[in-house]
Amino acid sequence: MHYESFGPSDLLKDLVKEYWVFESEDSTITQQKIIPDGYSEIIIHYRSPYRINLAGRWEEQSLLLFSSQIRRFFFLENTGKSGMIGIKLHPAAFFELFQKDVSSLTDRVIALDEIIASELVQLEAIKAGDSIESRVGMAEKWLESQLQNLHPQGVVRHCIADIFATHGMIDIDQMASNVCLSTRQLERLFKKVVGLTPKFYCRIIRFNYIFEVMKDHNDSWIRTALQSGYFDQSHFIKNFKEFTGEEPSNYGFDEVNLANFFLKK
């Protein structure tokens, strides 16, 4: 089992958080839980496809996927040997690149060719790549070819920067005022570009901050809750369980799995 991540080029650093690769030679069917982390992704499978349980039923996925913003955990399982590369996009990037209202895609993992008409031959070629590095290089070249259509969303980018700077602990009304919009105007724009309301997005980023805080395993749950912006331990536990399906005391923070790979930075 091999996990690896790569940073983007300077040309793409405002659009791409990172590229990640997961490979496994073990074809034993294994379920993985995926937890919201605030990013959307383009995913390319170059070995066996995966099955997904997002809404109570299992379905086989396409090999080229767009995974939108999600609001709760879901499950994946392999159908054979695993090989996939993910392009983890900054929250506004998919809209900026393809001008697609992503609010209709929230909580969906969908075949990429169903939502964008741009040429996907370069991504298809990744399946035949001869190394991890070559596959990442092909993904980057494909993204660079899309830059001619880029429509940066300065207002939303500014708000996202504030959300991350405060670990999701920011007043939405004040954030709207900072960019000279009403709260309702900001909500409409943010949902169109990111896929979630600013308030819910803040909840996800605040939840993600727990994994930063938990790097120090000596902290009590009460201290962890307070440092992560929760008013009390019960509120903290309720939100943790909403996003993971588990109470924090039962969660395997040290387990080697996809969820921790993405959340434990």
Protein backbone atom coordinates (compact mmCIF):
# COMPACT_ATOMS: atom_id res chain seq x y z
CA MET A 1 0.00 0.00 0.00
CA HIS A 2 1.55 3.28 -1.12
CA TYR A 3 0.38 6.86 -0.55
CA GLU A 4 2.21 9.86 -1.96
CA SER A 5 1.47 13.53 -2.59
CA PHE A 6 3.06 16.15 -4.87
CA GLY A 7 2.83 19.92 -4.93
CA PRO A 8 1.67 21.77 -8.06
CA SER A 9 3.77 23.95 -10.32
CA ASP A 10 3.83 27.70 -9.70
CA LEU A 11 1.53 28.10 -12.70
CA LEU A 12 -1.19 26.04 -11.02
CA LYS A 13 -0.64 26.72 -7.31
CA ASP A 14 -3.73 28.97 -7.10
CA LEU A 15 -5.91 26.16 -8.47
CA VAL A 16 -4.38 22.93 -7.18
CA LYS A 17 -3.79 22.09 -3.54
CA GLU A 18 -1.85 18.92 -4.39
CA TYR A 19 -1.73 15.78 -6.48
CA TRP A 20 -2.02 12.51 -4.58
CA VAL A 21 -1.42 8.93 -5.59
CA PHE A 22 -2.64 5.72 -3.99
CA GLU A 23 -1.49 2.27 -5.14
CA SER A 24 -1.97 -1.23 -3.76
CA GLU A 25 -1.06 -4.60 -5.21
CA ASP A 26 -3.49 -6.30 -2.82
CA SER A 27 -6.75 -7.19 -4.60
CA THR A 28 -8.53 -8.13 -1.37
CA ILE A 29 -11.82 -6.21 -1.22
CA THR A 30 -11.45 -3.53 1.46
CA GLN A 31 -13.83 -0.75 2.44
CA GLN A 32 -12.52 2.76 2.99
CA LYS A 33 -14.39 5.61 4.63
CA ILE A 34 -14.07 9.05 3.02
CA ILE A 35 -14.63 12.12 5.20
CA PRO A 36 -15.29 15.74 4.09
CA ASP A 37 -12.11 17.82 3.86
CA GLY A 38 -13.31 20.94 2.04
CA TYR A 39 -11.81 20.18 -1.36
CA SER A 40 -13.22 18.85 -4.61
CA GLU A 41 -11.16 16.46 -6.70
CA ILE A 42 -10.63 15.07 -10.17
CA ILE A 43 -9.74 11.38 -9.82
CA ILE A 44 -8.24 9.06 -12.40
CA HIS A 45 -8.22 5.29 -11.81
CA TYR A 46 -5.54 3.52 -13.84
CA ARG A 47 -6.09 0.03 -12.48
CA SER A 48 -9.36 -1.54 -11.33
CA PRO A 49 -12.42 0.66 -10.78
CA TYR A 50 -13.85 1.30 -7.34
CA ARG A 51 -17.37 0.91 -6.00
CA ILE A 52 -19.00 3.70 -4.02
CA ASN A 53 -21.74 3.83 -1.41
CA LEU A 54 -22.78 7.47 -1.22
CA ALA A 55 -26.53 7.24 -0.74
CA GLY A 56 -27.18 3.82 0.77
CA ARG A 57 -26.41 1.63 -2.25
CA TRP A 58 -23.23 0.37 -3.91
CA GLU A 59 -22.41 1.41 -7.50
CA GLU A 60 -19.34 0.87 -9.67
CA GLN A 61 -17.58 4.11 -10.55
CA SER A 62 -16.22 5.44 -13.79
CA LEU A 63 -12.44 5.52 -14.17
CA LEU A 64 -12.46 9.32 -14.66
CA LEU A 65 -14.34 11.12 -11.90
CA PHE A 66 -15.20 14.45 -10.38
CA SER A 67 -15.75 14.29 -6.63
CA SER A 68 -17.62 17.39 -5.49
CA GLN A 69 -17.89 18.94 -2.05
CA ILE A 70 -19.48 16.43 0.31
CA ARG A 71 -21.31 17.08 3.56
CA ARG A 72 -20.98 13.69 5.24
CA PHE A 73 -18.85 10.55 5.13
CA PHE A 74 -19.27 7.83 2.52
CA PHE A 75 -17.64 4.51 1.64
CA LEU A 76 -15.47 3.18 -1.18
CA GLU A 77 -14.24 -0.32 -1.91
CA ASN A 78 -11.82 -1.66 -4.49
CA THR A 79 -12.71 -4.30 -7.07
CA GLY A 80 -9.10 -5.43 -7.62
CA LYS A 81 -5.63 -3.88 -7.48
CA SER A 82 -5.72 -0.12 -6.77
CA GLY A 83 -4.08 2.63 -8.74
CA MET A 84 -5.42 6.18 -8.70
CA ILE A 85 -4.25 9.73 -8.97
CA GLY A 86 -6.22 12.61 -7.52
CA ILE A 87 -6.07 16.30 -8.39
CA LYS A 88 -7.10 18.04 -5.18
CA LEU A 89 -8.51 21.38 -6.31
CA HIS A 90 -8.74 24.57 -4.31
CA PRO A 91 -12.42 25.18 -3.42
CA ALA A 92 -13.22 27.63 -6.25
CA ALA A 93 -11.00 26.03 -8.90
CA PHE A 94 -13.46 23.77 -10.72
CA PHE A 95 -15.85 26.69 -11.29
CA GLU A 96 -12.98 28.96 -12.34
CA LEU A 97 -11.70 26.44 -14.88
CA PHE A 98 -14.98 25.18 -16.34
CA GLN A 99 -17.64 27.78 -15.35
CA LYS A 100 -19.95 25.09 -14.01
CA ASP A 101 -22.39 25.96 -11.22
CA VAL A 102 -21.21 23.34 -8.74
CA SER A 103 -24.15 23.72 -6.34
CA SER A 104 -26.01 21.05 -8.34
CA LEU A 105 -23.07 18.66 -7.93
CA THR A 106 -22.79 18.78 -4.14
CA ASP A 107 -22.66 15.33 -2.51
CA ARG A 108 -21.98 13.65 -5.83
CA VAL A 109 -19.11 11.68 -7.35
CA ILE A 110 -19.78 11.72 -11.06
CA ALA A 111 -18.15 10.62 -14.33
CA LEU A 112 -16.06 13.54 -15.53
CA ASP A 113 -17.28 13.37 -19.12
CA GLU A 114 -20.84 14.00 -17.92
CA ILE A 115 -20.05 17.51 -16.72
CA ILE A 116 -17.23 18.89 -18.87
CA ALA A 117 -16.94 18.74 -22.63
CA SER A 118 -13.25 19.62 -22.83
CA GLU A 119 -10.81 17.12 -24.31
CA LEU A 120 -10.08 14.27 -21.89
CA VAL A 121 -7.62 12.31 -24.04
CA GLN A 122 -4.67 13.51 -21.91
CA LEU A 123 -6.34 12.18 -18.77
CA GLU A 124 -7.18 8.90 -20.50
CA ALA A 125 -3.47 8.55 -21.34
CA ILE A 126 -2.62 8.52 -17.63
CA LYS A 127 -3.91 4.96 -17.45
CA ALA A 128 -0.98 3.89 -19.64
CA GLY A 129 1.64 5.94 -17.80
CA ASP A 130 4.81 4.08 -16.83
CA SER A 131 5.45 5.78 -13.47
CA ILE A 132 3.80 7.84 -10.76
CA GLU A 133 5.80 10.89 -11.81
CA SER A 134 4.79 10.59 -15.46
CA ARG A 135 1.13 10.30 -14.50
CA VAL A 136 1.32 13.40 -12.31
CA GLY A 137 3.07 15.22 -15.16
CA MET A 138 0.30 14.31 -17.60
CA ALA A 139 -2.37 15.50 -15.16
CA GLU A 140 -0.56 18.81 -14.77
CA LYS A 141 -0.20 19.32 -18.52
CA TRP A 142 -3.93 18.68 -18.95
CA LEU A 143 -4.77 21.32 -16.35
CA GLU A 144 -2.39 23.80 -17.96
CA SER A 145 -4.25 23.31 -21.25
CA GLN A 146 -7.44 24.48 -19.51
CA LEU A 147 -5.99 27.78 -18.28
CA GLN A 148 -7.08 29.69 -21.38
CA ASN A 149 -10.66 29.47 -20.05
CA LEU A 150 -9.84 30.54 -16.48
CA HIS A 151 -12.23 32.97 -14.76
CA PRO A 152 -10.77 33.77 -11.31
CA GLN A 153 -13.30 34.50 -8.57
CA GLY A 154 -11.54 37.10 -6.44
CA VAL A 155 -14.33 37.65 -3.93
CA VAL A 156 -14.76 33.96 -3.20
CA ARG A 157 -11.01 33.39 -3.05
CA HIS A 158 -10.71 36.19 -0.49
CA CYS A 159 -13.45 34.63 1.66
CA ILE A 160 -11.89 31.17 1.43
CA ALA A 161 -8.54 32.59 2.54
CA ASP A 162 -10.24 34.14 5.58
CA ILE A 163 -11.97 30.85 6.40
CA PHE A 164 -8.72 28.91 6.32
CA ALA A 165 -6.82 31.60 8.23
CA THR A 166 -9.34 31.36 11.07
CA HIS A 167 -9.77 27.56 10.87
CA GLY A 168 -13.44 28.15 10.03
CA MET A 169 -14.01 30.34 13.10
CA ILE A 170 -15.21 33.50 11.37
CA ASP A 171 -18.47 35.43 11.45
CA ILE A 172 -20.28 35.10 8.12
CA ASP A 173 -21.92 38.53 8.31
CA GLN A 174 -18.53 40.15 8.88
CA MET A 175 -17.00 38.14 6.06
CA ALA A 176 -19.73 39.38 3.69
CA SER A 177 -19.18 42.95 4.85
CA ASN A 178 -15.44 42.61 4.21
CA VAL A 179 -16.13 41.95 0.50
CA CYS A 180 -18.94 44.55 0.26
CA LEU A 181 -21.76 42.03 -0.20
CA SER A 182 -24.86 41.27 1.81
CA THR A 183 -24.85 37.95 3.61
CA ARG A 184 -27.45 36.60 1.21
CA GLN A 185 -25.46 37.74 -1.85
CA LEU A 186 -22.35 36.05 -0.51
CA GLU A 187 -24.25 32.84 0.23
CA ARG A 188 -25.59 32.65 -3.34
CA LEU A 189 -22.20 33.36 -4.92
CA PHE A 190 -20.26 31.04 -2.60
CA LYS A 191 -22.66 28.16 -3.13
CA LYS A 192 -22.50 28.60 -6.91
CA VAL A 193 -18.69 28.64 -6.97
CA VAL A 194 -17.82 26.25 -4.12
CA GLY A 195 -20.94 24.09 -3.80
CA LEU A 196 -21.72 24.82 -0.14
CA THR A 197 -22.89 27.81 1.87
CA PRO A 198 -20.11 29.72 3.67
CA LYS A 199 -21.54 28.65 7.02
CA PHE A 200 -21.43 24.94 6.21
CA TYR A 201 -18.01 25.26 4.62
CA CYS A 202 -16.74 26.87 7.82
CA ARG A 203 -18.06 23.88 9.75
CA ILE A 204 -16.04 21.50 7.57
CA ILE A 205 -12.84 23.51 7.90
CA ARG A 206 -13.29 23.81 11.66
CA PHE A 207 -13.85 20.04 11.84
CA ASN A 208 -10.69 19.46 9.78
CA TYR A 209 -8.72 21.55 12.25
CA ILE A 210 -9.34 18.85 14.86
CA PHE A 211 -6.84 16.65 13.00
CA GLU A 212 -4.21 19.38 13.32
CA VAL A 213 -4.92 19.74 17.03
CA MET A 214 -4.84 15.97 17.53
CA LYS A 215 -1.20 15.79 16.44
CA ASP A 216 -0.60 16.39 20.14
CA HIS A 217 -2.17 13.26 21.62
CA ASN A 218 -1.65 14.54 25.16
CA ASP A 219 -4.49 17.05 24.87
CA SER A 220 -7.76 16.22 26.59
CA TRP A 221 -10.96 16.12 24.56
CA ILE A 222 -12.14 19.29 26.32
CA ARG A 223 -8.97 21.16 25.32
CA THR A 224 -9.20 19.76 21.79
CA ALA A 225 -12.82 20.91 21.53
CA LEU A 226 -12.07 24.42 22.76
CA GLN A 227 -8.97 24.83 20.60
CA SER A 228 -10.98 23.70 17.57
CA GLY A 229 -13.61 26.37 18.17
CA TYR A 230 -16.35 24.34 19.85
CA PHE A 231 -18.17 25.82 22.83
CA ASP A 232 -18.42 22.56 24.73
CA GLN A 233 -17.48 18.90 24.47
CA SER A 234 -20.99 17.71 23.57
CA HIS A 235 -21.14 20.10 20.58
CA PHE A 236 -17.70 18.89 19.53
CA ILE A 237 -18.71 15.21 19.73
CA LYS A 238 -21.96 15.83 17.82
CA ASN A 239 -20.15 17.52 14.93
CA PHE A 240 -17.36 14.95 14.85
CA LYS A 241 -19.90 12.13 14.66
CA GLU A 242 -21.85 13.94 11.91
CA PHE A 243 -18.80 14.10 9.65
CA THR A 244 -17.23 10.73 10.50
CA GLY A 245 -20.05 8.52 11.79
CA GLU A 246 -17.99 7.87 14.92
CA GLU A 247 -17.34 9.46 18.28
CA PRO A 248 -13.83 10.93 18.57
CA SER A 249 -12.87 8.46 21.31
CA ASN A 250 -13.55 5.58 18.89
CA TYR A 251 -11.93 7.11 15.81
CA GLY A 252 -8.65 5.54 14.66
CA PHE A 253 -6.48 8.64 14.28
CA ASP A 254 -3.39 6.48 13.73
CA GLU A 255 -4.90 4.04 11.25
CA VAL A 256 -3.39 3.92 7.76
CA ASN A 257 -6.32 4.67 5.47
CA LEU A 258 -7.45 7.16 2.84
CA ALA A 259 -9.39 9.32 5.30
CA ASN A 260 -6.36 9.93 7.52
CA PHE A 261 -4.10 10.36 4.50
CA PHE A 262 -6.24 13.31 3.41
CA LEU A 263 -7.03 14.78 6.83
CA LYS A 264 -3.76 14.38 8.75
CA LYS A 265 -1.74 16.95 6.86
